[in-house]
Amino acid sequence: MKKSLLFTYGFLILLTLSTALISNASKISSLLVLLIIGFSIAKFLLVAFQFMELKKANPFWKFSLSLFLGLFFLAIFLLK
């Protein structure tokens, strides 16, 4: 297996464990919610670019994914 895939797996596990630890905090603030959403977006981008081969895709799809994630994060940020 390639080293980049192993690095990505490790980083995904680290982000997942971090999210689980943060979500078990006694006080959940809006900053922690945004941090969890940020971790989720990072995991989504890692999976999309590394395992779904989006890094080799047309620039339109890269831009469209980035635009969607930006709007999603903005909507959550404004609603919180």
N, C-alpha and C. Protein backbone atom coordinates (compact mmCIF):
# COMPACT_ATOMS: atom_id res chain seq x y z
N MET A 1 0.85 -1.18 0.00
CA MET A 1 0.00 0.00 0.00
C MET A 1 0.90 1.24 0.00
N LYS A 2 0.47 2.26 -0.69
CA LYS A 2 1.25 3.48 -0.78
C LYS A 2 1.33 4.18 0.57
N LYS A 3 2.43 4.91 0.77
CA LYS A 3 2.58 5.66 2.02
C LYS A 3 1.53 6.76 2.15
N SER A 4 1.16 7.36 1.03
CA SER A 4 0.18 8.44 1.09
C SER A 4 -1.18 7.92 1.56
N LEU A 5 -1.53 6.70 1.15
CA LEU A 5 -2.79 6.12 1.61
C LEU A 5 -2.75 5.82 3.10
N LEU A 6 -1.62 5.29 3.56
CA LEU A 6 -1.47 5.01 4.99
C LEU A 6 -1.51 6.30 5.81
N PHE A 7 -0.88 7.34 5.30
CA PHE A 7 -0.92 8.63 5.98
C PHE A 7 -2.35 9.16 6.05
N THR A 8 -3.07 9.01 4.95
CA THR A 8 -4.46 9.48 4.91
C THR A 8 -5.32 8.68 5.88
N TYR A 9 -5.16 7.36 5.90
CA TYR A 9 -5.91 6.53 6.87
C TYR A 9 -5.63 6.98 8.29
N GLY A 10 -4.36 7.16 8.60
CA GLY A 10 -3.98 7.59 9.95
C GLY A 10 -4.57 8.94 10.32
N PHE A 11 -4.53 9.86 9.37
CA PHE A 11 -5.07 11.20 9.64
C PHE A 11 -6.58 11.16 9.80
N LEU A 12 -7.26 10.32 9.01
CA LEU A 12 -8.71 10.17 9.15
C LEU A 12 -9.07 9.59 10.52
N ILE A 13 -8.29 8.62 10.97
CA ILE A 13 -8.53 8.04 12.30
C ILE A 13 -8.28 9.08 13.38
N LEU A 14 -7.23 9.86 13.23
CA LEU A 14 -6.93 10.92 14.20
C LEU A 14 -8.05 11.96 14.25
N LEU A 15 -8.54 12.37 13.10
CA LEU A 15 -9.64 13.33 13.06
C LEU A 15 -10.92 12.75 13.67
N THR A 16 -11.18 11.47 13.42
CA THR A 16 -12.36 10.84 13.98
C THR A 16 -12.27 10.74 15.50
N LEU A 17 -11.12 10.35 16.01
CA LEU A 17 -10.94 10.28 17.46
C LEU A 17 -11.03 11.66 18.09
N SER A 18 -10.48 12.65 17.43
CA SER A 18 -10.57 14.02 17.95
C SER A 18 -12.02 14.49 18.01
N THR A 19 -12.78 14.17 16.97
CA THR A 19 -14.19 14.54 16.96
C THR A 19 -14.95 13.85 18.09
N ALA A 20 -14.65 12.58 18.31
CA ALA A 20 -15.32 11.84 19.38
C ALA A 20 -14.98 12.42 20.75
N LEU A 21 -13.73 12.78 20.96
CA LEU A 21 -13.33 13.35 22.25
C LEU A 21 -13.95 14.73 22.47
N ILE A 22 -14.00 15.53 21.42
CA ILE A 22 -14.58 16.86 21.54
C ILE A 22 -16.08 16.77 21.80
N SER A 23 -16.75 15.81 21.14
CA SER A 23 -18.20 15.71 21.30
C SER A 23 -18.59 15.23 22.69
N ASN A 24 -17.68 14.60 23.41
CA ASN A 24 -17.97 14.14 24.76
C ASN A 24 -17.64 15.19 25.83
N ALA A 25 -17.33 16.39 25.41
CA ALA A 25 -17.03 17.46 26.36
C ALA A 25 -18.29 17.79 27.15
N SER A 26 -18.09 18.20 28.40
CA SER A 26 -19.24 18.48 29.26
C SER A 26 -20.01 19.72 28.79
N LYS A 27 -19.31 20.70 28.29
CA LYS A 27 -19.97 21.91 27.77
C LYS A 27 -19.70 22.00 26.28
N ILE A 28 -20.76 21.99 25.52
CA ILE A 28 -20.63 22.13 24.07
C ILE A 28 -20.94 23.58 23.71
N SER A 29 -19.93 24.28 23.23
CA SER A 29 -20.12 25.66 22.82
C SER A 29 -20.22 25.73 21.30
N SER A 30 -20.55 26.89 20.81
CA SER A 30 -20.67 27.04 19.36
C SER A 30 -19.30 26.91 18.69
N LEU A 31 -18.24 27.26 19.40
CA LEU A 31 -16.90 27.09 18.85
C LEU A 31 -16.57 25.61 18.66
N LEU A 32 -16.97 24.77 19.61
CA LEU A 32 -16.72 23.34 19.48
C LEU A 32 -17.55 22.74 18.35
N VAL A 33 -18.75 23.23 18.16
CA VAL A 33 -19.58 22.75 17.06
C VAL A 33 -18.92 23.09 15.73
N LEU A 34 -18.41 24.30 15.61
CA LEU A 34 -17.73 24.70 14.37
C LEU A 34 -16.44 23.91 14.17
N LEU A 35 -15.76 23.57 15.25
CA LEU A 35 -14.55 22.75 15.15
C LEU A 35 -14.89 21.34 14.66
N ILE A 36 -15.96 20.79 15.18
CA ILE A 36 -16.39 19.46 14.73
C ILE A 36 -16.79 19.50 13.26
N ILE A 37 -17.49 20.53 12.84
CA ILE A 37 -17.86 20.66 11.43
C ILE A 37 -16.61 20.84 10.57
N GLY A 38 -15.64 21.59 11.06
CA GLY A 38 -14.38 21.75 10.34
C GLY A 38 -13.65 20.43 10.17
N PHE A 39 -13.64 19.60 11.23
CA PHE A 39 -13.04 18.27 11.12
C PHE A 39 -13.78 17.42 10.11
N SER A 40 -15.10 17.53 10.09
CA SER A 40 -15.90 16.75 9.15
C SER A 40 -15.62 17.17 7.71
N ILE A 41 -15.48 18.46 7.49
CA ILE A 41 -15.16 18.94 6.15
C ILE A 41 -13.77 18.47 5.73
N ALA A 42 -12.82 18.49 6.65
CA ALA A 42 -11.47 18.01 6.35
C ALA A 42 -11.50 16.52 5.99
N LYS A 43 -12.27 15.74 6.74
CA LYS A 43 -12.38 14.31 6.43
C LYS A 43 -13.04 14.09 5.07
N PHE A 44 -14.07 14.87 4.77
CA PHE A 44 -14.74 14.76 3.48
C PHE A 44 -13.78 15.07 2.34
N LEU A 45 -12.98 16.13 2.50
CA LEU A 45 -12.03 16.48 1.45
C LEU A 45 -10.95 15.43 1.27
N LEU A 46 -10.47 14.87 2.39
CA LEU A 46 -9.47 13.81 2.30
C LEU A 46 -10.00 12.60 1.55
N VAL A 47 -11.21 12.19 1.88
CA VAL A 47 -11.80 11.03 1.19
C VAL A 47 -12.06 11.35 -0.27
N ALA A 48 -12.59 12.52 -0.55
CA ALA A 48 -12.92 12.88 -1.94
C ALA A 48 -11.67 12.96 -2.81
N PHE A 49 -10.64 13.60 -2.33
CA PHE A 49 -9.46 13.79 -3.17
C PHE A 49 -8.56 12.56 -3.20
N GLN A 50 -8.46 11.82 -2.11
CA GLN A 50 -7.54 10.70 -2.06
C GLN A 50 -8.17 9.41 -2.59
N PHE A 51 -9.36 9.09 -2.14
CA PHE A 51 -9.94 7.79 -2.47
C PHE A 51 -10.92 7.83 -3.63
N MET A 52 -11.51 8.97 -3.91
CA MET A 52 -12.44 9.07 -5.03
C MET A 52 -11.75 9.65 -6.26
N GLU A 53 -10.43 9.83 -6.17
CA GLU A 53 -9.61 10.30 -7.30
C GLU A 53 -10.07 11.64 -7.84
N LEU A 54 -10.57 12.51 -6.97
CA LEU A 54 -11.03 13.82 -7.42
C LEU A 54 -9.85 14.71 -7.80
N LYS A 55 -8.66 14.39 -7.31
CA LYS A 55 -7.49 15.21 -7.66
C LYS A 55 -7.16 15.11 -9.15
N LYS A 56 -7.67 14.07 -9.81
CA LYS A 56 -7.44 13.91 -11.25
C LYS A 56 -8.64 14.37 -12.07
N ALA A 57 -9.64 14.89 -11.42
CA ALA A 57 -10.89 15.26 -12.12
C ALA A 57 -10.77 16.64 -12.77
N ASN A 58 -11.78 16.96 -13.52
CA ASN A 58 -11.90 18.26 -14.17
C ASN A 58 -11.94 19.36 -13.09
N PRO A 59 -11.32 20.51 -13.33
CA PRO A 59 -11.35 21.61 -12.35
C PRO A 59 -12.76 22.07 -11.97
N PHE A 60 -13.73 21.87 -12.87
CA PHE A 60 -15.10 22.23 -12.54
C PHE A 60 -15.59 21.48 -11.31
N TRP A 61 -15.28 20.19 -11.22
CA TRP A 61 -15.74 19.38 -10.10
C TRP A 61 -15.03 19.77 -8.81
N LYS A 62 -13.78 20.12 -8.91
CA LYS A 62 -13.05 20.59 -7.72
C LYS A 62 -13.65 21.90 -7.21
N PHE A 63 -13.92 22.81 -8.13
CA PHE A 63 -14.51 24.10 -7.75
C PHE A 63 -15.91 23.91 -7.20
N SER A 64 -16.68 23.04 -7.84
CA SER A 64 -18.05 22.81 -7.39
C SER A 64 -18.08 22.19 -5.99
N LEU A 65 -17.18 21.28 -5.70
CA LEU A 65 -17.10 20.69 -4.37
C LEU A 65 -16.68 21.73 -3.33
N SER A 66 -15.71 22.54 -3.67
CA SER A 66 -15.25 23.58 -2.75
C SER A 66 -16.36 24.61 -2.49
N LEU A 67 -17.07 24.97 -3.53
CA LEU A 67 -18.17 25.92 -3.38
C LEU A 67 -19.27 25.35 -2.49
N PHE A 68 -19.63 24.09 -2.70
CA PHE A 68 -20.64 23.45 -1.88
C PHE A 68 -20.23 23.41 -0.42
N LEU A 69 -19.00 23.00 -0.16
CA LEU A 69 -18.53 22.93 1.22
C LEU A 69 -18.46 24.30 1.87
N GLY A 70 -18.05 25.30 1.10
CA GLY A 70 -18.01 26.66 1.64
C GLY A 70 -19.40 27.16 1.99
N LEU A 71 -20.36 26.92 1.11
CA LEU A 71 -21.74 27.34 1.39
C LEU A 71 -22.34 26.56 2.56
N PHE A 72 -22.02 25.28 2.65
CA PHE A 72 -22.50 24.46 3.76
C PHE A 72 -21.96 24.98 5.09
N PHE A 73 -20.66 25.25 5.14
CA PHE A 73 -20.05 25.75 6.37
C PHE A 73 -20.61 27.13 6.72
N LEU A 74 -20.79 27.97 5.72
CA LEU A 74 -21.34 29.31 5.95
C LEU A 74 -22.77 29.24 6.48
N ALA A 75 -23.58 28.34 5.92
CA ALA A 75 -24.95 28.18 6.39
C ALA A 75 -24.99 27.71 7.84
N ILE A 76 -24.16 26.74 8.18
CA ILE A 76 -24.11 26.25 9.56
C ILE A 76 -23.61 27.35 10.49
N PHE A 77 -22.61 28.09 10.05
CA PHE A 77 -22.05 29.17 10.86
C PHE A 77 -23.09 30.26 11.13
N LEU A 78 -23.85 30.62 10.12
CA LEU A 78 -24.85 31.66 10.28
C LEU A 78 -26.05 31.20 11.10
N LEU A 79 -26.38 29.92 11.02
CA LEU A 79 -27.51 29.40 11.79
C LEU A 79 -27.15 29.17 13.26
N LYS A 80 -25.89 29.00 13.54
CA LYS A 80 -25.46 28.73 14.91
C LYS A 80 -25.34 30.00 15.62
